[in-house]
N, C-alpha and C. Protein backbone atom coordinates (compact mmCIF):
# COMPACT_ATOMS: atom_id res chain seq x y z
N MET A 1 -8.24 10.16 28.52
CA MET A 1 -9.34 9.92 27.61
C MET A 1 -8.77 9.53 26.25
N SER A 2 -9.44 8.60 25.59
CA SER A 2 -8.94 8.18 24.28
C SER A 2 -10.06 8.19 23.25
N ALA A 3 -9.65 8.08 22.00
CA ALA A 3 -10.62 8.09 20.90
C ALA A 3 -11.46 6.82 20.93
N CYS A 4 -12.64 6.90 20.37
CA CYS A 4 -13.50 5.73 20.23
C CYS A 4 -12.77 4.71 19.35
N ALA A 5 -12.84 3.44 19.74
CA ALA A 5 -12.12 2.39 19.01
C ALA A 5 -12.51 2.34 17.54
N ASP A 6 -13.79 2.58 17.24
CA ASP A 6 -14.23 2.49 15.85
C ASP A 6 -13.97 3.77 15.06
N LYS A 7 -13.41 4.78 15.70
CA LYS A 7 -13.16 6.06 15.01
C LYS A 7 -11.68 6.36 14.82
N SER A 8 -10.82 5.61 15.46
CA SER A 8 -9.39 5.90 15.43
C SER A 8 -8.84 5.98 14.00
N LEU A 9 -9.11 4.97 13.20
CA LEU A 9 -8.62 4.98 11.81
C LEU A 9 -9.28 6.09 11.00
N LEU A 10 -10.56 6.35 11.29
CA LEU A 10 -11.26 7.42 10.57
C LEU A 10 -10.63 8.78 10.87
N LEU A 11 -10.18 8.99 12.10
CA LEU A 11 -9.54 10.26 12.45
C LEU A 11 -8.27 10.47 11.64
N ASN A 12 -7.49 9.42 11.49
CA ASN A 12 -6.28 9.50 10.66
C ASN A 12 -6.64 9.78 9.21
N ALA A 13 -7.64 9.09 8.71
CA ALA A 13 -8.07 9.29 7.33
C ALA A 13 -8.62 10.71 7.12
N LEU A 14 -9.35 11.21 8.13
CA LEU A 14 -9.87 12.58 8.05
C LEU A 14 -8.73 13.57 7.93
N LEU A 15 -7.74 13.41 8.79
CA LEU A 15 -6.59 14.31 8.79
C LEU A 15 -5.83 14.25 7.47
N ASP A 16 -5.76 13.07 6.88
CA ASP A 16 -5.03 12.89 5.62
C ASP A 16 -5.87 13.25 4.39
N GLY A 17 -7.14 13.63 4.60
CA GLY A 17 -7.99 13.98 3.47
C GLY A 17 -8.41 12.79 2.64
N GLU A 18 -8.49 11.61 3.26
CA GLU A 18 -8.79 10.38 2.54
C GLU A 18 -10.26 9.98 2.58
N LEU A 19 -11.09 10.70 3.33
CA LEU A 19 -12.50 10.34 3.43
C LEU A 19 -13.32 11.06 2.37
N ASP A 20 -14.37 10.37 1.90
CA ASP A 20 -15.29 11.04 1.00
C ASP A 20 -16.08 12.07 1.81
N ALA A 21 -16.82 12.92 1.12
CA ALA A 21 -17.50 14.05 1.78
C ALA A 21 -18.44 13.59 2.89
N GLY A 22 -19.21 12.54 2.64
CA GLY A 22 -20.16 12.06 3.64
C GLY A 22 -19.49 11.55 4.90
N ASN A 23 -18.46 10.74 4.74
CA ASN A 23 -17.74 10.21 5.91
C ASN A 23 -16.95 11.29 6.62
N ALA A 24 -16.41 12.24 5.87
CA ALA A 24 -15.68 13.35 6.49
C ALA A 24 -16.63 14.17 7.35
N LEU A 25 -17.81 14.46 6.83
CA LEU A 25 -18.79 15.24 7.58
C LEU A 25 -19.23 14.49 8.85
N ALA A 26 -19.50 13.20 8.71
CA ALA A 26 -19.92 12.40 9.86
C ALA A 26 -18.82 12.37 10.92
N CYS A 27 -17.59 12.23 10.49
CA CYS A 27 -16.46 12.18 11.44
C CYS A 27 -16.29 13.54 12.12
N GLU A 28 -16.39 14.60 11.37
CA GLU A 28 -16.26 15.95 11.95
C GLU A 28 -17.38 16.21 12.96
N GLU A 29 -18.60 15.77 12.64
CA GLU A 29 -19.72 15.94 13.57
C GLU A 29 -19.50 15.13 14.84
N HIS A 30 -18.96 13.94 14.71
CA HIS A 30 -18.66 13.10 15.87
C HIS A 30 -17.62 13.77 16.77
N VAL A 31 -16.59 14.33 16.16
CA VAL A 31 -15.52 14.98 16.92
C VAL A 31 -16.07 16.14 17.75
N LYS A 32 -17.12 16.80 17.25
CA LYS A 32 -17.71 17.92 17.98
C LYS A 32 -18.36 17.50 19.29
N VAL A 33 -18.81 16.25 19.37
CA VAL A 33 -19.53 15.80 20.57
C VAL A 33 -18.76 14.76 21.39
N CYS A 34 -17.58 14.36 20.92
CA CYS A 34 -16.80 13.34 21.63
C CYS A 34 -15.45 13.92 22.05
N ALA A 35 -15.27 14.11 23.34
CA ALA A 35 -14.04 14.71 23.85
C ALA A 35 -12.81 13.85 23.55
N GLY A 36 -12.95 12.53 23.62
CA GLY A 36 -11.82 11.64 23.35
C GLY A 36 -11.34 11.73 21.92
N CYS A 37 -12.28 11.76 21.00
CA CYS A 37 -11.92 11.86 19.59
C CYS A 37 -11.40 13.26 19.26
N GLU A 38 -11.97 14.27 19.90
CA GLU A 38 -11.48 15.64 19.70
C GLU A 38 -10.03 15.75 20.16
N GLU A 39 -9.75 15.15 21.31
CA GLU A 39 -8.38 15.17 21.84
C GLU A 39 -7.42 14.41 20.93
N GLU A 40 -7.87 13.27 20.44
CA GLU A 40 -7.03 12.46 19.53
C GLU A 40 -6.75 13.22 18.24
N LEU A 41 -7.76 13.85 17.67
CA LEU A 41 -7.57 14.61 16.43
C LEU A 41 -6.61 15.78 16.66
N ARG A 42 -6.74 16.44 17.78
CA ARG A 42 -5.83 17.55 18.11
C ARG A 42 -4.40 17.02 18.25
N SER A 43 -4.24 15.87 18.90
CA SER A 43 -2.91 15.26 19.05
C SER A 43 -2.32 14.89 17.69
N LEU A 44 -3.13 14.32 16.82
CA LEU A 44 -2.65 13.96 15.48
C LEU A 44 -2.21 15.20 14.71
N ARG A 45 -2.97 16.28 14.83
CA ARG A 45 -2.59 17.53 14.15
C ARG A 45 -1.28 18.08 14.71
N GLU A 46 -1.10 17.99 16.02
CA GLU A 46 0.15 18.47 16.63
C GLU A 46 1.33 17.63 16.15
N GLN A 47 1.15 16.32 16.09
CA GLN A 47 2.22 15.44 15.61
C GLN A 47 2.58 15.77 14.16
N ARG A 48 1.56 16.00 13.34
CA ARG A 48 1.80 16.35 11.94
C ARG A 48 2.61 17.64 11.86
N ALA A 49 2.25 18.63 12.68
CA ALA A 49 2.96 19.91 12.67
C ALA A 49 4.41 19.72 13.10
N LEU A 50 4.65 18.89 14.11
CA LEU A 50 6.02 18.64 14.56
C LEU A 50 6.84 17.97 13.45
N LEU A 51 6.24 17.02 12.77
CA LEU A 51 6.96 16.32 11.70
C LEU A 51 7.22 17.19 10.49
N ALA A 52 6.39 18.23 10.31
CA ALA A 52 6.56 19.13 9.17
C ALA A 52 7.52 20.28 9.46
N ALA A 53 7.98 20.36 10.71
CA ALA A 53 8.86 21.46 11.09
C ALA A 53 10.19 21.39 10.33
N PRO A 54 10.79 22.55 10.08
CA PRO A 54 12.08 22.58 9.38
C PRO A 54 13.13 21.76 10.14
N GLY A 55 13.95 21.04 9.39
CA GLY A 55 15.03 20.28 9.98
C GLY A 55 14.66 18.87 10.40
N VAL A 56 13.39 18.53 10.37
CA VAL A 56 12.97 17.19 10.79
C VAL A 56 13.04 16.20 9.63
N ARG A 57 12.66 16.66 8.47
CA ARG A 57 12.63 15.78 7.30
C ARG A 57 14.04 15.37 6.91
N HIS A 58 14.19 14.11 6.59
CA HIS A 58 15.49 13.58 6.17
C HIS A 58 15.41 13.19 4.70
N ALA A 59 16.36 13.62 3.94
CA ALA A 59 16.43 13.25 2.53
C ALA A 59 17.32 12.02 2.37
N ALA A 60 16.84 11.06 1.65
CA ALA A 60 17.62 9.85 1.41
C ALA A 60 18.81 10.16 0.50
N SER A 61 19.89 9.45 0.74
CA SER A 61 21.07 9.64 -0.11
C SER A 61 20.80 9.10 -1.51
N ASN A 62 21.60 9.54 -2.47
CA ASN A 62 21.44 9.04 -3.84
C ASN A 62 21.66 7.54 -3.91
N ALA A 63 22.59 7.03 -3.09
CA ALA A 63 22.85 5.58 -3.09
C ALA A 63 21.63 4.82 -2.59
N LEU A 64 21.00 5.32 -1.52
CA LEU A 64 19.81 4.65 -1.00
C LEU A 64 18.68 4.72 -2.03
N ARG A 65 18.51 5.88 -2.65
CA ARG A 65 17.48 6.02 -3.68
C ARG A 65 17.70 5.00 -4.81
N ALA A 66 18.94 4.83 -5.22
CA ALA A 66 19.25 3.89 -6.30
C ALA A 66 18.94 2.45 -5.88
N ARG A 67 19.27 2.08 -4.63
CA ARG A 67 18.98 0.73 -4.14
C ARG A 67 17.48 0.48 -4.08
N VAL A 68 16.73 1.46 -3.59
CA VAL A 68 15.28 1.31 -3.50
C VAL A 68 14.68 1.20 -4.90
N ARG A 69 15.12 2.04 -5.82
CA ARG A 69 14.62 2.00 -7.19
C ARG A 69 14.91 0.63 -7.82
N ALA A 70 16.12 0.12 -7.62
CA ALA A 70 16.48 -1.19 -8.19
C ALA A 70 15.62 -2.30 -7.59
N ALA A 71 15.36 -2.23 -6.29
CA ALA A 71 14.53 -3.24 -5.64
C ALA A 71 13.09 -3.17 -6.17
N LEU A 72 12.59 -1.98 -6.37
CA LEU A 72 11.23 -1.83 -6.89
C LEU A 72 11.14 -2.33 -8.33
N GLU A 73 12.15 -2.03 -9.11
CA GLU A 73 12.13 -2.49 -10.50
C GLU A 73 12.23 -4.01 -10.58
N ALA A 74 12.92 -4.63 -9.62
CA ALA A 74 13.03 -6.08 -9.61
C ALA A 74 11.68 -6.73 -9.34
N GLU A 75 10.81 -6.02 -8.64
CA GLU A 75 9.47 -6.53 -8.34
C GLU A 75 8.41 -5.80 -9.16
N ALA A 76 8.78 -5.30 -10.31
CA ALA A 76 7.87 -4.49 -11.13
C ALA A 76 6.60 -5.25 -11.47
N THR A 77 5.50 -4.53 -11.49
CA THR A 77 4.21 -5.11 -11.82
C THR A 77 3.85 -4.78 -13.26
N MET A 78 2.80 -5.37 -13.72
CA MET A 78 2.31 -5.09 -15.06
C MET A 78 1.74 -3.68 -15.08
N PRO A 79 1.88 -2.96 -16.19
CA PRO A 79 1.41 -1.58 -16.24
C PRO A 79 -0.11 -1.44 -16.07
N LEU A 80 -0.87 -2.51 -16.27
CA LEU A 80 -2.31 -2.42 -16.14
C LEU A 80 -2.81 -2.70 -14.72
N ASP A 81 -1.92 -3.03 -13.81
CA ASP A 81 -2.34 -3.30 -12.44
C ASP A 81 -2.94 -2.04 -11.83
N THR A 82 -4.12 -2.18 -11.23
CA THR A 82 -4.77 -1.02 -10.63
C THR A 82 -4.26 -0.75 -9.23
N ASP A 83 -3.75 -1.76 -8.55
CA ASP A 83 -3.19 -1.58 -7.21
C ASP A 83 -1.79 -2.19 -7.21
N PRO A 84 -0.77 -1.38 -7.53
CA PRO A 84 0.58 -1.93 -7.69
C PRO A 84 1.13 -2.58 -6.42
N ILE A 85 0.76 -2.09 -5.25
CA ILE A 85 1.25 -2.70 -4.01
C ILE A 85 0.67 -4.10 -3.85
N GLN A 86 -0.63 -4.23 -4.06
CA GLN A 86 -1.27 -5.54 -3.97
C GLN A 86 -0.74 -6.48 -5.05
N ALA A 87 -0.51 -5.95 -6.24
CA ALA A 87 0.02 -6.78 -7.32
C ALA A 87 1.42 -7.30 -6.97
N ALA A 88 2.25 -6.44 -6.39
CA ALA A 88 3.60 -6.87 -6.00
C ALA A 88 3.53 -7.94 -4.92
N ARG A 89 2.62 -7.78 -3.95
CA ARG A 89 2.46 -8.81 -2.91
C ARG A 89 1.99 -10.13 -3.52
N SER A 90 1.08 -10.04 -4.47
CA SER A 90 0.58 -11.24 -5.13
C SER A 90 1.71 -11.96 -5.86
N ILE A 91 2.54 -11.21 -6.56
CA ILE A 91 3.67 -11.80 -7.28
C ILE A 91 4.64 -12.45 -6.29
N GLN A 92 4.88 -11.79 -5.15
CA GLN A 92 5.77 -12.37 -4.13
C GLN A 92 5.20 -13.68 -3.60
N ARG A 93 3.87 -13.74 -3.37
CA ARG A 93 3.25 -14.99 -2.89
C ARG A 93 3.38 -16.08 -3.95
N LEU A 94 3.15 -15.72 -5.21
CA LEU A 94 3.29 -16.71 -6.28
C LEU A 94 4.72 -17.24 -6.37
N LYS A 95 5.69 -16.35 -6.22
CA LYS A 95 7.09 -16.78 -6.26
C LYS A 95 7.41 -17.71 -5.09
N ALA A 96 6.85 -17.43 -3.92
CA ALA A 96 7.07 -18.29 -2.75
C ALA A 96 6.49 -19.68 -2.99
N ILE A 97 5.27 -19.74 -3.56
CA ILE A 97 4.65 -21.03 -3.89
C ILE A 97 5.49 -21.75 -4.92
N ARG A 98 5.94 -21.03 -5.94
CA ARG A 98 6.79 -21.62 -6.97
C ARG A 98 8.03 -22.25 -6.35
N ASP A 99 8.69 -21.52 -5.44
CA ASP A 99 9.92 -22.00 -4.84
C ASP A 99 9.67 -23.20 -3.92
N MET A 100 8.54 -23.19 -3.19
CA MET A 100 8.23 -24.30 -2.29
C MET A 100 8.01 -25.59 -3.07
N HIS A 101 7.44 -25.49 -4.25
CA HIS A 101 7.06 -26.67 -5.00
C HIS A 101 7.96 -26.91 -6.22
N GLU A 102 9.03 -26.13 -6.30
CA GLU A 102 9.96 -26.24 -7.43
C GLU A 102 9.19 -26.25 -8.75
N ALA A 103 8.33 -25.28 -8.90
CA ALA A 103 7.45 -25.20 -10.07
C ALA A 103 7.84 -24.03 -10.95
N THR A 104 7.21 -23.96 -12.09
CA THR A 104 7.33 -22.82 -12.99
C THR A 104 5.96 -22.18 -13.08
N ILE A 105 5.93 -20.87 -12.93
CA ILE A 105 4.66 -20.14 -13.02
C ILE A 105 4.81 -19.04 -14.05
N TRP A 106 3.86 -18.96 -14.97
CA TRP A 106 3.81 -17.87 -15.92
C TRP A 106 2.78 -16.89 -15.42
N ILE A 107 3.22 -15.69 -15.08
CA ILE A 107 2.31 -14.69 -14.51
C ILE A 107 1.54 -13.98 -15.61
N SER A 108 2.17 -13.77 -16.71
CA SER A 108 1.48 -13.16 -17.86
C SER A 108 1.81 -13.98 -19.10
N HIS A 109 1.00 -13.85 -20.12
CA HIS A 109 1.22 -14.63 -21.33
C HIS A 109 2.07 -13.84 -22.31
N ASP A 110 3.31 -14.20 -22.36
CA ASP A 110 4.22 -13.62 -23.34
C ASP A 110 3.96 -14.34 -24.66
N PRO A 111 3.77 -13.62 -25.74
CA PRO A 111 3.50 -14.29 -27.02
C PRO A 111 4.56 -15.33 -27.39
N GLU A 112 5.81 -15.09 -27.03
CA GLU A 112 6.86 -16.08 -27.33
C GLU A 112 6.66 -17.34 -26.51
N ASP A 113 6.30 -17.18 -25.21
CA ASP A 113 6.02 -18.35 -24.37
C ASP A 113 4.83 -19.12 -24.93
N TRP A 114 3.80 -18.39 -25.34
CA TRP A 114 2.59 -19.02 -25.84
C TRP A 114 2.90 -19.89 -27.06
N ALA A 115 3.79 -19.42 -27.90
CA ALA A 115 4.13 -20.17 -29.10
C ALA A 115 4.89 -21.45 -28.76
N GLU A 116 5.67 -21.43 -27.68
CA GLU A 116 6.52 -22.57 -27.34
C GLU A 116 5.88 -23.55 -26.36
N LEU A 117 4.92 -23.10 -25.55
CA LEU A 117 4.33 -23.95 -24.52
C LEU A 117 3.24 -24.84 -25.10
N PRO A 118 3.09 -26.03 -24.51
CA PRO A 118 1.98 -26.88 -24.95
C PRO A 118 0.64 -26.25 -24.56
N HIS A 119 -0.38 -26.51 -25.34
CA HIS A 119 -1.71 -25.97 -25.07
C HIS A 119 -2.59 -27.07 -24.49
N ALA A 120 -3.59 -26.70 -23.71
CA ALA A 120 -4.52 -27.66 -23.13
C ALA A 120 -5.14 -28.49 -24.24
N PRO A 121 -5.37 -29.73 -24.03
CA PRO A 121 -5.23 -30.48 -22.80
C PRO A 121 -3.87 -31.14 -22.61
N THR A 122 -2.87 -30.77 -23.41
CA THR A 122 -1.54 -31.35 -23.30
C THR A 122 -0.87 -30.81 -22.03
N PRO A 123 -0.43 -31.67 -21.11
CA PRO A 123 0.21 -31.19 -19.89
C PRO A 123 1.62 -30.65 -20.14
N ILE A 124 2.04 -29.78 -19.28
CA ILE A 124 3.42 -29.28 -19.34
C ILE A 124 4.27 -30.23 -18.54
N GLU A 125 5.29 -30.76 -19.15
CA GLU A 125 6.17 -31.73 -18.47
C GLU A 125 7.38 -31.03 -17.92
């Protein structure tokens, strides 16, 4: 028996505490009457318990932490971005477009760039 196709992601979100009160209640009520979803939720809880057991968690080395931090800083987003992951993906897409077309893209307006760049309607050569 398996979970309902439209409930699988909700079960994960329920377990992670990511649902609002209304959706959490609806999901919990569904689990009470659906054996497949009840079984799936129980399995997810068991998996979580196994992963939380002592000795399972692995700590990254300081060298790996430093490499990850450097990579993240290289793709740093603007401090006002509300979704930093989406912002980083957007910047990566813009860089790919820039590279494909051998173009220059200004992602934010640096006051120094603004002073030096031509203003509309003058084209950038």
